Amino acid sequence: MTTITLKINERTKAGKAILSLLNFFTSKEVGVEILKNEKNNKKIIDENTYNPEFVKMVLDASKSKNRTTVTSKNLWQSI
């Protein structure tokens, strides 16, 4: 058995052709198997990813009147 790793740009004609060929072979079960599809395995960030204490701190800070607004013009003066 041979394992080949490909990086395919699915926006190009060649990339689309390779993907359709691979999809054809995997659907017919003729000895070709896709082990990992990184496009479908991207990590999805949900609300449980963040620490609840950190979220509360950020939300409280955004509601606070005691804050400093920094712009690109006064960035270095604020440090």
N, C-alpha and C. Protein backbone atom coordinates (compact mmCIF):
# COMPACT_ATOMS: atom_id res chain seq x y z
N MET A 1 0.85 -1.17 0.00
CA MET A 1 0.00 0.00 0.00
C MET A 1 0.89 1.23 0.00
N THR A 2 0.52 2.26 -0.75
CA THR A 2 1.26 3.50 -0.85
C THR A 2 0.39 4.64 -0.32
N THR A 3 1.01 5.50 0.49
CA THR A 3 0.32 6.67 1.01
C THR A 3 0.91 7.91 0.36
N ILE A 4 0.05 8.76 -0.18
CA ILE A 4 0.48 9.98 -0.85
C ILE A 4 -0.22 11.16 -0.16
N THR A 5 0.55 12.18 0.16
CA THR A 5 -0.01 13.38 0.75
C THR A 5 -0.04 14.46 -0.31
N LEU A 6 -1.21 15.05 -0.54
CA LEU A 6 -1.38 16.08 -1.56
C LEU A 6 -1.86 17.36 -0.92
N LYS A 7 -1.38 18.48 -1.45
CA LYS A 7 -1.91 19.78 -1.07
C LYS A 7 -2.56 20.33 -2.33
N ILE A 8 -3.89 20.41 -2.33
CA ILE A 8 -4.65 20.74 -3.53
C ILE A 8 -5.32 22.10 -3.35
N ASN A 9 -5.11 22.98 -4.33
CA ASN A 9 -5.82 24.25 -4.35
C ASN A 9 -7.11 24.02 -5.11
N GLU A 10 -8.22 23.96 -4.40
CA GLU A 10 -9.50 23.61 -5.02
C GLU A 10 -10.09 24.73 -5.86
N ARG A 11 -9.42 25.88 -5.93
CA ARG A 11 -9.91 26.99 -6.74
C ARG A 11 -9.41 26.92 -8.18
N THR A 12 -8.41 26.07 -8.44
CA THR A 12 -7.86 25.97 -9.79
C THR A 12 -8.53 24.84 -10.55
N LYS A 13 -8.37 24.87 -11.88
CA LYS A 13 -8.93 23.81 -12.71
C LYS A 13 -8.31 22.46 -12.36
N ALA A 14 -7.00 22.44 -12.22
CA ALA A 14 -6.31 21.19 -11.91
C ALA A 14 -6.74 20.66 -10.55
N GLY A 15 -6.87 21.55 -9.58
CA GLY A 15 -7.29 21.14 -8.24
C GLY A 15 -8.69 20.56 -8.26
N LYS A 16 -9.60 21.20 -9.00
CA LYS A 16 -10.96 20.69 -9.10
C LYS A 16 -10.98 19.33 -9.79
N ALA A 17 -10.14 19.17 -10.81
CA ALA A 17 -10.09 17.89 -11.53
C ALA A 17 -9.59 16.77 -10.63
N ILE A 18 -8.53 17.03 -9.88
CA ILE A 18 -7.99 16.02 -8.96
C ILE A 18 -9.01 15.66 -7.89
N LEU A 19 -9.68 16.66 -7.33
CA LEU A 19 -10.69 16.40 -6.30
C LEU A 19 -11.85 15.58 -6.85
N SER A 20 -12.30 15.89 -8.05
CA SER A 20 -13.41 15.12 -8.61
C SER A 20 -12.98 13.69 -8.91
N LEU A 21 -11.74 13.52 -9.34
CA LEU A 21 -11.21 12.17 -9.58
C LEU A 21 -11.13 11.38 -8.28
N LEU A 22 -10.63 12.01 -7.23
CA LEU A 22 -10.54 11.33 -5.93
C LEU A 22 -11.92 11.01 -5.38
N ASN A 23 -12.85 11.94 -5.53
CA ASN A 23 -14.22 11.68 -5.06
C ASN A 23 -14.86 10.52 -5.82
N PHE A 24 -14.58 10.42 -7.12
CA PHE A 24 -15.10 9.32 -7.91
C PHE A 24 -14.56 7.98 -7.41
N PHE A 25 -13.24 7.92 -7.21
CA PHE A 25 -12.64 6.65 -6.78
C PHE A 25 -13.07 6.26 -5.37
N THR A 26 -13.22 7.24 -4.48
CA THR A 26 -13.62 6.89 -3.12
C THR A 26 -15.09 6.50 -3.05
N SER A 27 -15.92 7.04 -3.94
CA SER A 27 -17.34 6.68 -3.91
C SER A 27 -17.58 5.29 -4.46
N LYS A 28 -16.72 4.82 -5.37
CA LYS A 28 -16.87 3.50 -5.98
C LYS A 28 -16.15 2.40 -5.20
N GLU A 29 -15.42 2.79 -4.16
CA GLU A 29 -14.70 1.84 -3.30
C GLU A 29 -13.82 0.90 -4.10
N VAL A 30 -12.95 1.47 -4.89
CA VAL A 30 -12.06 0.64 -5.71
C VAL A 30 -10.63 0.66 -5.19
N GLY A 31 -10.45 0.77 -3.90
CA GLY A 31 -9.11 0.69 -3.33
C GLY A 31 -8.48 2.03 -3.00
N VAL A 32 -9.22 3.11 -3.11
CA VAL A 32 -8.69 4.43 -2.76
C VAL A 32 -9.45 4.93 -1.54
N GLU A 33 -8.69 5.44 -0.56
CA GLU A 33 -9.31 5.90 0.68
C GLU A 33 -8.72 7.25 1.06
N ILE A 34 -9.56 8.21 1.42
CA ILE A 34 -9.08 9.50 1.92
C ILE A 34 -8.96 9.38 3.43
N LEU A 35 -7.73 9.52 3.93
CA LEU A 35 -7.48 9.35 5.35
C LEU A 35 -7.77 10.62 6.15
N LYS A 36 -7.44 11.78 5.57
CA LYS A 36 -7.62 13.03 6.30
C LYS A 36 -7.93 14.13 5.31
N ASN A 37 -8.97 14.87 5.58
CA ASN A 37 -9.35 16.01 4.76
C ASN A 37 -9.27 17.23 5.66
N GLU A 38 -8.18 18.00 5.55
CA GLU A 38 -7.96 19.12 6.46
C GLU A 38 -9.02 20.19 6.33
N LYS A 39 -9.63 20.32 5.17
CA LYS A 39 -10.67 21.34 5.00
C LYS A 39 -11.84 21.06 5.93
N ASN A 40 -12.18 19.80 6.12
CA ASN A 40 -13.31 19.44 6.97
C ASN A 40 -12.91 19.24 8.42
N ASN A 41 -11.60 19.23 8.73
CA ASN A 41 -11.14 18.96 10.08
C ASN A 41 -10.70 20.21 10.82
N LYS A 42 -11.02 21.42 10.32
CA LYS A 42 -10.61 22.64 10.98
C LYS A 42 -11.31 22.76 12.33
N LYS A 43 -10.57 23.29 13.28
CA LYS A 43 -11.11 23.43 14.63
C LYS A 43 -12.17 24.52 14.64
N ILE A 44 -13.31 24.20 15.18
CA ILE A 44 -14.40 25.15 15.29
C ILE A 44 -14.40 25.71 16.71
N ILE A 45 -14.32 27.03 16.80
CA ILE A 45 -14.31 27.68 18.11
C ILE A 45 -15.74 27.95 18.53
N ASP A 46 -16.11 27.41 19.66
CA ASP A 46 -17.44 27.68 20.19
C ASP A 46 -17.30 28.43 21.51
N GLU A 47 -18.41 28.78 22.10
CA GLU A 47 -18.37 29.60 23.30
C GLU A 47 -17.73 28.87 24.48
N ASN A 48 -17.64 27.56 24.46
CA ASN A 48 -17.02 26.81 25.55
C ASN A 48 -15.50 26.85 25.50
N THR A 49 -14.93 27.39 24.44
CA THR A 49 -13.49 27.44 24.29
C THR A 49 -12.87 28.44 25.26
N TYR A 50 -13.57 29.52 25.56
CA TYR A 50 -13.02 30.58 26.39
C TYR A 50 -13.35 30.36 27.86
N ASN A 51 -12.43 30.76 28.70
CA ASN A 51 -12.60 30.68 30.15
C ASN A 51 -13.74 31.63 30.55
N PRO A 52 -14.76 31.15 31.26
CA PRO A 52 -15.91 32.00 31.63
C PRO A 52 -15.50 33.21 32.46
N GLU A 53 -14.47 33.07 33.29
CA GLU A 53 -14.01 34.21 34.09
C GLU A 53 -13.44 35.29 33.19
N PHE A 54 -12.70 34.88 32.15
CA PHE A 54 -12.12 35.83 31.21
C PHE A 54 -13.21 36.55 30.42
N VAL A 55 -14.22 35.81 29.99
CA VAL A 55 -15.34 36.41 29.25
C VAL A 55 -16.05 37.43 30.11
N LYS A 56 -16.29 37.10 31.38
CA LYS A 56 -16.95 38.03 32.30
C LYS A 56 -16.10 39.28 32.48
N MET A 57 -14.79 39.12 32.63
CA MET A 57 -13.90 40.25 32.81
C MET A 57 -13.93 41.18 31.59
N VAL A 58 -13.91 40.61 30.39
CA VAL A 58 -13.94 41.42 29.16
C VAL A 58 -15.27 42.15 29.03
N LEU A 59 -16.37 41.46 29.30
CA LEU A 59 -17.69 42.10 29.20
C LEU A 59 -17.85 43.20 30.23
N ASP A 60 -17.36 42.97 31.45
CA ASP A 60 -17.43 44.01 32.48
C ASP A 60 -16.58 45.21 32.10
N ALA A 61 -15.41 44.97 31.54
CA ALA A 61 -14.52 46.06 31.13
C ALA A 61 -15.14 46.89 30.01
N SER A 62 -15.86 46.23 29.11
CA SER A 62 -16.47 46.96 28.00
C SER A 62 -17.62 47.86 28.47
N LYS A 63 -18.24 47.50 29.59
CA LYS A 63 -19.33 48.30 30.14
C LYS A 63 -18.84 49.40 31.08
N SER A 64 -17.59 49.29 31.51
CA SER A 64 -17.04 50.22 32.49
C SER A 64 -16.84 51.61 31.88
N LYS A 65 -17.05 52.65 32.69
CA LYS A 65 -16.81 54.02 32.25
C LYS A 65 -15.36 54.42 32.49
N ASN A 66 -14.65 53.67 33.31
CA ASN A 66 -13.26 53.96 33.66
C ASN A 66 -12.33 53.21 32.70
N ARG A 67 -12.21 53.73 31.49
CA ARG A 67 -11.33 53.11 30.51
C ARG A 67 -10.68 54.18 29.65
N THR A 68 -9.63 53.81 28.97
CA THR A 68 -8.88 54.73 28.13
C THR A 68 -9.00 54.29 26.69
N THR A 69 -9.34 55.22 25.82
CA THR A 69 -9.42 54.92 24.39
C THR A 69 -8.08 55.28 23.76
N VAL A 70 -7.50 54.33 23.05
CA VAL A 70 -6.21 54.54 22.41
C VAL A 70 -6.41 54.50 20.91
N THR A 71 -5.89 55.52 20.24
CA THR A 71 -5.93 55.56 18.79
C THR A 71 -4.51 55.39 18.25
N SER A 72 -4.38 55.27 16.97
CA SER A 72 -3.04 55.11 16.39
C SER A 72 -2.20 56.36 16.58
N LYS A 73 -2.83 57.51 16.74
CA LYS A 73 -2.09 58.77 16.93
C LYS A 73 -1.52 58.88 18.34
N ASN A 74 -2.21 58.36 19.35
CA ASN A 74 -1.70 58.48 20.72
C ASN A 74 -1.27 57.12 21.31
N LEU A 75 -0.96 56.18 20.45
CA LEU A 75 -0.58 54.85 20.92
C LEU A 75 0.68 54.88 21.76
N TRP A 76 1.72 55.55 21.30
CA TRP A 76 2.99 55.53 22.01
C TRP A 76 2.95 56.36 23.29
N GLN A 77 2.10 57.37 23.34
CA GLN A 77 1.98 58.16 24.55
C GLN A 77 1.28 57.38 25.66
N SER A 78 0.43 56.42 25.29
CA SER A 78 -0.33 55.68 26.29
C SER A 78 0.49 54.60 26.97
N ILE A 79 1.64 54.29 26.40
CA ILE A 79 2.46 53.20 26.97
C ILE A 79 3.29 53.67 28.10
